[in-house]
Protein backbone atom coordinates (compact mmCIF):
# COMPACT_ATOMS: atom_id res chain seq x y z
CA MET A 1 -3.68 -8.44 8.08
CA LEU A 2 -1.46 -5.39 8.10
CA GLN A 3 -4.21 -3.04 9.22
CA VAL A 4 -5.26 -5.42 11.96
CA GLY A 5 -1.69 -5.74 13.11
CA GLN A 6 -1.22 -2.00 13.19
CA LYS A 7 -4.44 -1.47 15.16
CA MET A 8 -3.51 -4.15 17.68
CA ARG A 9 -0.04 -2.73 18.13
CA ARG A 10 -1.45 0.80 18.54
CA GLN A 11 -3.61 -0.38 21.36
CA ASP A 12 -0.37 -1.46 23.06
CA ARG A 13 -1.56 -4.89 24.11
CA GLY A 14 1.98 -6.20 24.00
CA ILE A 15 1.37 -8.32 20.91
CA THR A 16 4.51 -8.86 18.90
CA VAL A 17 4.86 -9.06 15.14
CA LYS A 18 5.81 -12.71 15.52
CA GLU A 19 2.57 -13.48 17.40
CA LEU A 20 0.50 -11.66 14.77
CA CYS A 21 2.18 -13.56 11.97
CA VAL A 22 1.63 -16.90 13.66
CA HIS A 23 -2.02 -16.03 14.28
CA PHE A 24 -2.68 -15.02 10.65
CA GLY A 25 -0.43 -17.63 9.07
CA TYR A 26 2.15 -15.28 7.54
CA SER A 27 5.88 -15.16 7.92
CA ARG A 28 7.56 -12.15 9.47
CA ALA A 29 9.30 -11.51 6.15
CA ARG A 30 5.91 -11.33 4.40
CA TYR A 31 4.66 -8.91 7.05
CA TYR A 32 7.56 -6.56 6.43
CA GLN A 33 7.22 -6.95 2.65
CA GLY A 34 3.63 -5.84 3.04
CA GLN A 35 4.72 -2.82 5.06
CA LYS A 36 7.19 -1.88 2.33
CA GLU A 37 4.56 -2.36 -0.38
CA ASN A 38 2.09 -0.15 1.48
CA ARG A 39 4.68 2.63 1.76
CA ARG A 40 5.45 2.32 -1.96
CA ARG A 41 1.76 2.48 -2.84
CA MET A 42 1.22 5.58 -0.71
CA GLU A 43 4.22 7.32 -2.30
CA GLN A 44 2.84 6.38 -5.71
CA ALA A 45 -0.57 7.79 -4.79
CA ASP A 46 1.04 11.04 -3.63
CA THR A 47 2.93 11.38 -6.90
CA VAL A 48 -0.11 10.63 -9.04
CA LEU A 49 -2.40 12.98 -7.15
CA SER A 50 0.13 15.81 -7.14
CA LEU A 51 0.36 15.55 -10.93
CA ALA A 52 -3.42 15.42 -11.21
CA HIS A 53 -3.88 18.41 -8.89
CA ARG A 54 -1.36 20.40 -10.91
CA GLU A 55 -3.38 19.78 -14.07
CA ARG A 56 -6.65 20.59 -12.31
CA TYR A 57 -5.13 23.77 -10.89
CA LEU A 58 -4.10 24.93 -14.37
CA GLN A 59 -7.42 23.89 -15.93
CA PRO A 60 -10.07 23.57 -13.20
CA ARG A 61 -12.90 22.46 -15.46
CA LEU A 62 -10.88 19.62 -16.95
CA ALA A 63 -12.63 16.24 -16.89
CA SER A 64 -10.99 13.41 -14.98
CA ASP A 65 -10.51 11.27 -18.10
CA LYS A 66 -8.61 14.09 -19.75
CA VAL A 67 -6.55 14.63 -16.59
CA PHE A 68 -5.56 10.97 -16.77
CA ARG A 69 -4.57 11.24 -20.42
CA LEU A 70 -2.48 14.35 -19.69
CA ILE A 71 -0.56 12.86 -16.76
CA LYS A 72 -0.07 9.41 -18.29
CA PRO A 73 3.23 10.32 -20.07
CA TYR A 74 4.68 11.62 -16.77
CA LEU A 75 3.63 8.43 -15.01
CA GLU A 76 5.30 6.30 -17.68
CA GLU A 77 8.51 8.36 -17.32
CA GLN A 78 8.57 7.60 -13.61
CA GLY A 79 7.77 3.93 -14.13
CA ILE A 80 4.37 4.08 -12.48
CA LYS A 81 1.88 1.64 -13.96
CA LEU A 82 -1.54 3.07 -13.31
CA GLY A 83 -4.91 2.86 -14.97
CA ARG A 84 -7.83 5.23 -14.95
CA ASP A 85 -9.74 3.24 -12.35
CA LYS A 86 -6.79 3.28 -9.95
CA LEU A 87 -6.60 7.07 -10.35
CA TYR A 88 -10.27 7.22 -9.30
CA ALA A 89 -9.54 4.95 -6.35
CA TYR A 90 -6.62 7.12 -5.22
CA SER A 91 -8.70 10.27 -5.56
CA GLY A 92 -11.47 8.67 -3.51
CA ILE A 93 -9.07 7.71 -0.74
CA ARG A 94 -7.69 11.23 -0.55
CA GLY A 95 -11.10 12.91 -0.61
CA CYS A 96 -11.02 14.30 -4.15
CA CYS A 97 -14.50 14.28 -5.66
CA TRP A 98 -13.95 13.18 -9.24
CA ARG A 99 -16.74 11.45 -11.05
CA ARG A 100 -16.53 9.19 -14.03
């Protein structure tokens, strides 16, 4: 719903957040919670990928599983709960070509 709402608002059709929420069956509070969650996820992805890129910069031939094992303690320090598959998903979104 959030992506649809953003696209519709970008097209400047004059659709309000309230109208979108009524159409999709969400409350306005839920809409804004989703916005906040998306921002948090993107910040988390930036943090994770910057740590991963640092390790890959220092050791370019390092496998992605090993990169994950090396950055995992830093992620736990920062309170980021992340698994190996989510790291692959983040790298795919950002255009990093890591294979399993």
